[in-house]
C-alpha atoms as a PDB file:
ATOM      1  CA  MET A   1      74.383 142.862 -22.973  1.00  0.00           C
ATOM      2  CA  ARG A   2      72.798 142.410 -19.560  1.00  0.00           C
ATOM      3  CA  LEU A   3      71.434 139.038 -18.454  1.00  0.00           C
ATOM      4  CA  ALA A   4      68.266 138.671 -16.392  1.00  0.00           C
ATOM      5  CA  PRO A   5      68.654 136.949 -13.011  1.00  0.00           C
ATOM      6  CA  THR A   6      67.837 133.255 -12.896  1.00  0.00           C
ATOM      7  CA  TYR A   7      66.196 131.621  -9.905  1.00  0.00           C
ATOM      8  CA  ALA A   8      66.119 128.004  -8.787  1.00  0.00           C
ATOM      9  CA  LYS A   9      62.845 126.162  -9.177  1.00  0.00           C
ATOM     10  CA  ASP A  10      60.730 125.985  -6.029  1.00  0.00           C
ATOM     11  CA  TRP A  11      60.287 122.212  -5.867  1.00  0.00           C
ATOM     12  CA  THR A  12      57.144 120.653  -4.373  1.00  0.00           C
ATOM     13  CA  VAL A  13      57.360 117.302  -6.177  1.00  0.00           C
ATOM     14  CA  ILE A  14      60.364 115.455  -7.607  1.00  0.00           C
ATOM     15  CA  ARG A  15      59.624 112.789 -10.235  1.00  0.00           C
ATOM     16  CA  PHE A  16      62.243 110.053 -10.537  1.00  0.00           C
ATOM     17  CA  GLY A  17      62.346 107.674 -13.501  1.00  0.00           C
ATOM     18  CA  VAL A  18      63.246 104.081 -12.593  1.00  0.00           C
ATOM     19  CA  ASP A  19      63.680 100.795 -14.442  1.00  0.00           C
ATOM     20  CA  SER A  20      62.233  98.152 -12.128  1.00  0.00           C
ATOM     21  CA  SER A  21      64.192  95.257 -13.629  1.00  0.00           C
ATOM     22  CA  TYR A  22      67.294  95.743 -11.464  1.00  0.00           C
ATOM     23  CA  ALA A  23      66.613  94.154  -8.048  1.00  0.00           C
ATOM     24  CA  PRO A  24      67.688  94.858  -5.342  1.00  0.00           C
ATOM     25  CA  SER A  25      68.213  98.434  -6.570  1.00  0.00           C
ATOM     26  CA  GLU A  26      64.662  98.756  -7.842  1.00  0.00           C
ATOM     27  CA  SER A  27      61.928  96.214  -8.438  1.00  0.00           C
ATOM     28  CA  LYS A  28      58.199  95.697  -8.057  1.00  0.00           C
ATOM     29  CA  ALA A  29      56.800  94.231  -4.853  1.00  0.00           C
ATOM     30  CA  PRO A  30      53.957  91.680  -5.086  1.00  0.00           C
ATOM     31  CA  ASP A  31      51.497  94.506  -4.345  1.00  0.00           C
ATOM     32  CA  GLY A  32      52.786  96.454  -7.383  1.00  0.00           C
ATOM     33  CA  ASN A  33      54.678  99.152  -5.471  1.00  0.00           C
ATOM     34  CA  LEU A  34      58.227 100.036  -6.469  1.00  0.00           C
ATOM     35  CA  VAL A  35      60.782  98.993  -3.827  1.00  0.00           C
ATOM     36  CA  GLY A  36      64.546  98.774  -3.454  1.00  0.00           C
ATOM     37  CA  LEU A  37      67.708 100.618  -2.525  1.00  0.00           C
ATOM     38  CA  GLU A  38      67.330 103.321  -5.193  1.00  0.00           C
ATOM     39  CA  ILE A  39      63.677 103.911  -4.243  1.00  0.00           C
ATOM     40  CA  ASP A  40      64.759 104.325  -0.597  1.00  0.00           C
ATOM     41  CA  PHE A  41      67.559 106.667  -1.694  1.00  0.00           C
ATOM     42  CA  GLY A  42      65.095 108.845  -3.636  1.00  0.00           C
ATOM     43  CA  SER A  43      62.734 108.932  -0.662  1.00  0.00           C
ATOM     44  CA  ALA A  44      65.605 110.065   1.574  1.00  0.00           C
ATOM     45  CA  ILE A  45      66.477 112.872  -0.870  1.00  0.00           C
ATOM     46  CA  CYS A  46      62.865 114.034  -0.915  1.00  0.00           C
ATOM     47  CA  ALA A  47      62.595 113.852   2.888  1.00  0.00           C
ATOM     48  CA  GLN A  48      65.685 116.081   3.241  1.00  0.00           C
ATOM     49  CA  LEU A  49      64.239 118.563   0.760  1.00  0.00           C
ATOM     50  CA  LYS A  50      60.735 118.320   2.296  1.00  0.00           C
ATOM     51  CA  VAL A  51      59.092 117.591  -1.052  1.00  0.00           C
ATOM     52  CA  LYS A  52      56.841 114.829  -2.361  1.00  0.00           C
ATOM     53  CA  CYS A  53      58.688 112.007  -4.117  1.00  0.00           C
ATOM     54  CA  VAL A  54      57.187 110.162  -7.086  1.00  0.00           C
ATOM     55  CA  SER A  55      58.916 107.138  -8.624  1.00  0.00           C
ATOM     56  CA  MET A  56      57.802 106.607 -12.213  1.00  0.00           C
ATOM     57  CA  GLU A  57      58.431 103.236 -13.810  1.00  0.00           C
ATOM     58  CA  SER A  58      59.954 103.449 -17.243  1.00  0.00           C
ATOM     59  CA  PRO A  59      60.551 100.483 -19.564  1.00  0.00           C
ATOM     60  CA  ARG A  60      64.092  99.227 -20.077  1.00  0.00           C
ATOM     61  CA  GLY A  61      66.051 101.511 -22.381  1.00  0.00           C
ATOM     62  CA  SER A  62      63.671 104.460 -22.095  1.00  0.00           C
ATOM     63  CA  VAL A  63      64.860 106.056 -18.840  1.00  0.00           C
ATOM     64  CA  ILE A  64      67.374 108.451 -20.429  1.00  0.00           C
ATOM     65  CA  PRO A  65      65.072 109.377 -23.347  1.00  0.00           C
ATOM     66  CA  GLY A  66      62.320 110.002 -20.774  1.00  0.00           C
ATOM     67  CA  LEU A  67      64.604 112.332 -18.829  1.00  0.00           C
ATOM     68  CA  LYS A  68      65.537 114.187 -22.019  1.00  0.00           C
ATOM     69  CA  ALA A  69      61.810 114.516 -22.835  1.00  0.00           C
ATOM     70  CA  ARG A  70      61.265 115.926 -19.306  1.00  0.00           C
ATOM     71  CA  LYS A  71      58.871 113.152 -18.290  1.00  0.00           C
ATOM     72  CA  PHE A  72      60.688 113.127 -14.951  1.00  0.00           C
ATOM     73  CA  ASP A  73      63.146 115.303 -13.077  1.00  0.00           C
ATOM     74  CA  GLY A  74      65.854 112.742 -12.348  1.00  0.00           C
ATOM     75  CA  ILE A  75      66.828 109.100 -12.707  1.00  0.00           C
ATOM     76  CA  LEU A  76      67.288 106.488 -10.000  1.00  0.00           C
ATOM     77  CA  SER A  77      68.617 103.431 -11.744  1.00  0.00           C
END
């Protein structure tokens, strides 16, 4: 049996799931934007990879199920 070659995805956007209830790692600023150490870490990853970074808020307890359902590409939490 011969396997077909597999190629890495050409990323343009990386979607990170976050639970904003864990300050200072991640929380909501008064203006509604997500802020914190994990948000900064995700932004640094995306800057290195030269892709757009999107942090998607996910309710407590639904981050891992959201990842399994492919609602986002990774978790920062």
